[in-house]
Amino acid sequence: MNPNDIHIGELIEQRIAEIGITKAEFGRRISTSRQNVNTILKKKSLDSDVLRRVSKVLKCDFFKYYLLDELKEKETEKKEDTGKKMFVIVQIDPEKEDEVKGLLR
């Protein structure tokens, strides 16, 4: 998934539906109006501070969608050198996120 293909607002809206809260309740939890919630859900990308708050409230690391994309890109680059392509999707334990980021550098 290319970062340009990620529509973070849609992913947030899916998560809100999964956990069964209203948009109004979600707005209350992130200290914003329902109108601003609708704006957030329409956005393809969000400021990292907002995304951090949303991730915490919805108990979902939305940054992982970008990290997984980076991992796939790097793996593809490596495989292109040998003429082979492989895509690997991994789920990352949030407690080990810094460790994984270190491996990507």
C-alpha atoms as a PDB file:
ATOM      1  CA  MET A   1       0.000   0.000   0.000  1.00  0.00           C
ATOM      2  CA  ASN A   2       1.505   3.248  -1.148  1.00  0.00           C
ATOM      3  CA  PRO A   3       1.301   6.043   1.459  1.00  0.00           C
ATOM      4  CA  ASN A   4      -0.661   7.992  -1.144  1.00  0.00           C
ATOM      5  CA  ASP A   5      -3.184   5.121  -1.234  1.00  0.00           C
ATOM      6  CA  ILE A   6      -3.741   5.207   2.522  1.00  0.00           C
ATOM      7  CA  HIS A   7      -6.923   7.071   3.481  1.00  0.00           C
ATOM      8  CA  ILE A   8      -6.446   7.356   7.221  1.00  0.00           C
ATOM      9  CA  GLY A   9      -9.889   8.882   7.782  1.00  0.00           C
ATOM     10  CA  GLU A  10     -11.558   5.804   6.299  1.00  0.00           C
ATOM     11  CA  LEU A  11      -9.431   3.518   8.460  1.00  0.00           C
ATOM     12  CA  ILE A  12     -10.387   5.507  11.561  1.00  0.00           C
ATOM     13  CA  GLU A  13     -14.064   5.358  10.616  1.00  0.00           C
ATOM     14  CA  GLN A  14     -13.803   1.567  10.211  1.00  0.00           C
ATOM     15  CA  ARG A  15     -12.238   1.288  13.662  1.00  0.00           C
ATOM     16  CA  ILE A  16     -14.951   3.458  15.226  1.00  0.00           C
ATOM     17  CA  ALA A  17     -17.553   1.108  13.754  1.00  0.00           C
ATOM     18  CA  GLU A  18     -15.596  -1.979  14.922  1.00  0.00           C
ATOM     19  CA  ILE A  19     -15.574  -0.890  18.545  1.00  0.00           C
ATOM     20  CA  GLY A  20     -19.168   0.333  18.362  1.00  0.00           C
ATOM     21  CA  ILE A  21     -18.974   3.937  19.505  1.00  0.00           C
ATOM     22  CA  THR A  22     -20.694   6.938  17.974  1.00  0.00           C
ATOM     23  CA  LYS A  23     -18.832   9.719  16.230  1.00  0.00           C
ATOM     24  CA  ALA A  24     -20.003  12.033  18.988  1.00  0.00           C
ATOM     25  CA  GLU A  25     -18.486   9.758  21.635  1.00  0.00           C
ATOM     26  CA  PHE A  26     -15.274   9.479  19.638  1.00  0.00           C
ATOM     27  CA  GLY A  27     -15.133  13.291  19.428  1.00  0.00           C
ATOM     28  CA  ARG A  28     -15.651  13.584  23.170  1.00  0.00           C
ATOM     29  CA  ARG A  29     -12.811  11.128  23.799  1.00  0.00           C
ATOM     30  CA  ILE A  30     -10.367  13.066  21.626  1.00  0.00           C
ATOM     31  CA  SER A  31     -11.678  16.427  22.912  1.00  0.00           C
ATOM     32  CA  THR A  32     -13.091  17.718  19.650  1.00  0.00           C
ATOM     33  CA  SER A  33     -16.490  18.542  18.161  1.00  0.00           C
ATOM     34  CA  ARG A  34     -18.556  16.109  16.106  1.00  0.00           C
ATOM     35  CA  GLN A  35     -18.128  18.499  13.170  1.00  0.00           C
ATOM     36  CA  ASN A  36     -14.344  18.209  13.475  1.00  0.00           C
ATOM     37  CA  VAL A  37     -14.704  14.408  13.689  1.00  0.00           C
ATOM     38  CA  ASN A  38     -16.408  14.485  10.285  1.00  0.00           C
ATOM     39  CA  THR A  39     -13.522  16.578   8.944  1.00  0.00           C
ATOM     40  CA  ILE A  40     -10.993  14.086  10.333  1.00  0.00           C
ATOM     41  CA  LEU A  41     -12.833  11.156   8.731  1.00  0.00           C
ATOM     42  CA  LYS A  42     -12.706  12.856   5.311  1.00  0.00           C
ATOM     43  CA  LYS A  43      -8.946  13.427   5.436  1.00  0.00           C
ATOM     44  CA  LYS A  44      -6.455  11.200   3.645  1.00  0.00           C
ATOM     45  CA  SER A  45      -3.751  12.142   6.154  1.00  0.00           C
ATOM     46  CA  LEU A  46      -3.548  13.660   9.611  1.00  0.00           C
ATOM     47  CA  ASP A  47      -1.075  15.573  11.711  1.00  0.00           C
ATOM     48  CA  SER A  48       0.958  13.088  13.762  1.00  0.00           C
ATOM     49  CA  ASP A  49      -0.215  14.573  17.088  1.00  0.00           C
ATOM     50  CA  VAL A  50      -3.853  14.060  16.117  1.00  0.00           C
ATOM     51  CA  LEU A  51      -3.121  10.565  14.808  1.00  0.00           C
ATOM     52  CA  ARG A  52      -1.376   9.709  18.089  1.00  0.00           C
ATOM     53  CA  ARG A  53      -4.429  10.815  20.109  1.00  0.00           C
ATOM     54  CA  VAL A  54      -6.767   8.903  17.805  1.00  0.00           C
ATOM     55  CA  SER A  55      -4.585   5.790  18.045  1.00  0.00           C
ATOM     56  CA  LYS A  56      -4.629   5.943  21.823  1.00  0.00           C
ATOM     57  CA  VAL A  57      -8.405   6.460  22.110  1.00  0.00           C
ATOM     58  CA  LEU A  58      -9.255   3.755  19.556  1.00  0.00           C
ATOM     59  CA  LYS A  59      -6.537   1.391  20.828  1.00  0.00           C
ATOM     60  CA  CYS A  60      -5.199   0.932  17.322  1.00  0.00           C
ATOM     61  CA  ASP A  61      -1.772   1.959  16.060  1.00  0.00           C
ATOM     62  CA  PHE A  62      -2.670   3.753  12.832  1.00  0.00           C
ATOM     63  CA  PHE A  63       1.017   4.491  12.240  1.00  0.00           C
ATOM     64  CA  LYS A  64       1.459   0.799  11.419  1.00  0.00           C
ATOM     65  CA  TYR A  65      -0.166   1.306   8.028  1.00  0.00           C
ATOM     66  CA  TYR A  66       2.693   3.595   7.068  1.00  0.00           C
ATOM     67  CA  LEU A  67       5.336   1.364   8.667  1.00  0.00           C
ATOM     68  CA  LEU A  68       4.054  -1.710   6.833  1.00  0.00           C
ATOM     69  CA  ASP A  69       4.233   0.228   3.593  1.00  0.00           C
ATOM     70  CA  GLU A  70       7.865   1.132   4.305  1.00  0.00           C
ATOM     71  CA  LEU A  71       8.710  -2.490   5.065  1.00  0.00           C
ATOM     72  CA  LYS A  72       7.132  -3.658   1.813  1.00  0.00           C
ATOM     73  CA  GLU A  73       8.975  -0.983  -0.158  1.00  0.00           C
ATOM     74  CA  LYS A  74      12.350  -1.910   1.334  1.00  0.00           C
ATOM     75  CA  GLU A  75      11.722  -5.611   0.773  1.00  0.00           C
ATOM     76  CA  THR A  76      10.732  -4.934  -2.820  1.00  0.00           C
ATOM     77  CA  GLU A  77      13.897  -2.901  -3.381  1.00  0.00           C
ATOM     78  CA  LYS A  78      16.012  -5.755  -2.029  1.00  0.00           C
ATOM     79  CA  LYS A  79      14.231  -8.344  -4.147  1.00  0.00           C
ATOM     80  CA  GLU A  80      14.439  -6.220  -7.296  1.00  0.00           C
ATOM     81  CA  ASP A  81      18.211  -6.426  -7.012  1.00  0.00           C
ATOM     82  CA  THR A  82      17.975 -10.191  -7.441  1.00  0.00           C
ATOM     83  CA  GLY A  83      15.115 -10.086  -9.925  1.00  0.00           C
ATOM     84  CA  LYS A  84      12.701 -11.615  -7.424  1.00  0.00           C
ATOM     85  CA  LYS A  85       9.872  -9.921  -5.590  1.00  0.00           C
ATOM     86  CA  MET A  86       8.431 -10.822  -2.259  1.00  0.00           C
ATOM     87  CA  PHE A  87       5.963  -9.017  -0.066  1.00  0.00           C
ATOM     88  CA  VAL A  88       5.930  -9.651   3.642  1.00  0.00           C
ATOM     89  CA  ILE A  89       3.221  -8.394   5.935  1.00  0.00           C
ATOM     90  CA  VAL A  90       3.995  -8.350   9.611  1.00  0.00           C
ATOM     91  CA  GLN A  91       2.096  -7.306  12.663  1.00  0.00           C
ATOM     92  CA  ILE A  92       4.276  -5.338  15.028  1.00  0.00           C
ATOM     93  CA  ASP A  93       3.952  -5.377  18.783  1.00  0.00           C
ATOM     94  CA  PRO A  94       3.626  -1.687  19.773  1.00  0.00           C
ATOM     95  CA  GLU A  95       6.130  -2.279  22.582  1.00  0.00           C
ATOM     96  CA  LYS A  96       8.747  -3.316  20.012  1.00  0.00           C
ATOM     97  CA  GLU A  97       8.022  -0.512  17.549  1.00  0.00           C
ATOM     98  CA  ASP A  98      11.305   1.341  18.250  1.00  0.00           C
ATOM     99  CA  GLU A  99      13.258  -1.869  17.768  1.00  0.00           C
ATOM    100  CA  VAL A 100      11.597  -2.451  14.380  1.00  0.00           C
ATOM    101  CA  LYS A 101      12.208   1.136  13.299  1.00  0.00           C
ATOM    102  CA  GLY A 102      15.896   0.631  14.123  1.00  0.00           C
ATOM    103  CA  LEU A 103      15.991  -2.336  11.758  1.00  0.00           C
ATOM    104  CA  LEU A 104      14.570  -0.219   8.945  1.00  0.00           C
ATOM    105  CA  ARG A 105      17.405   2.288   9.061  1.00  0.00           C
END
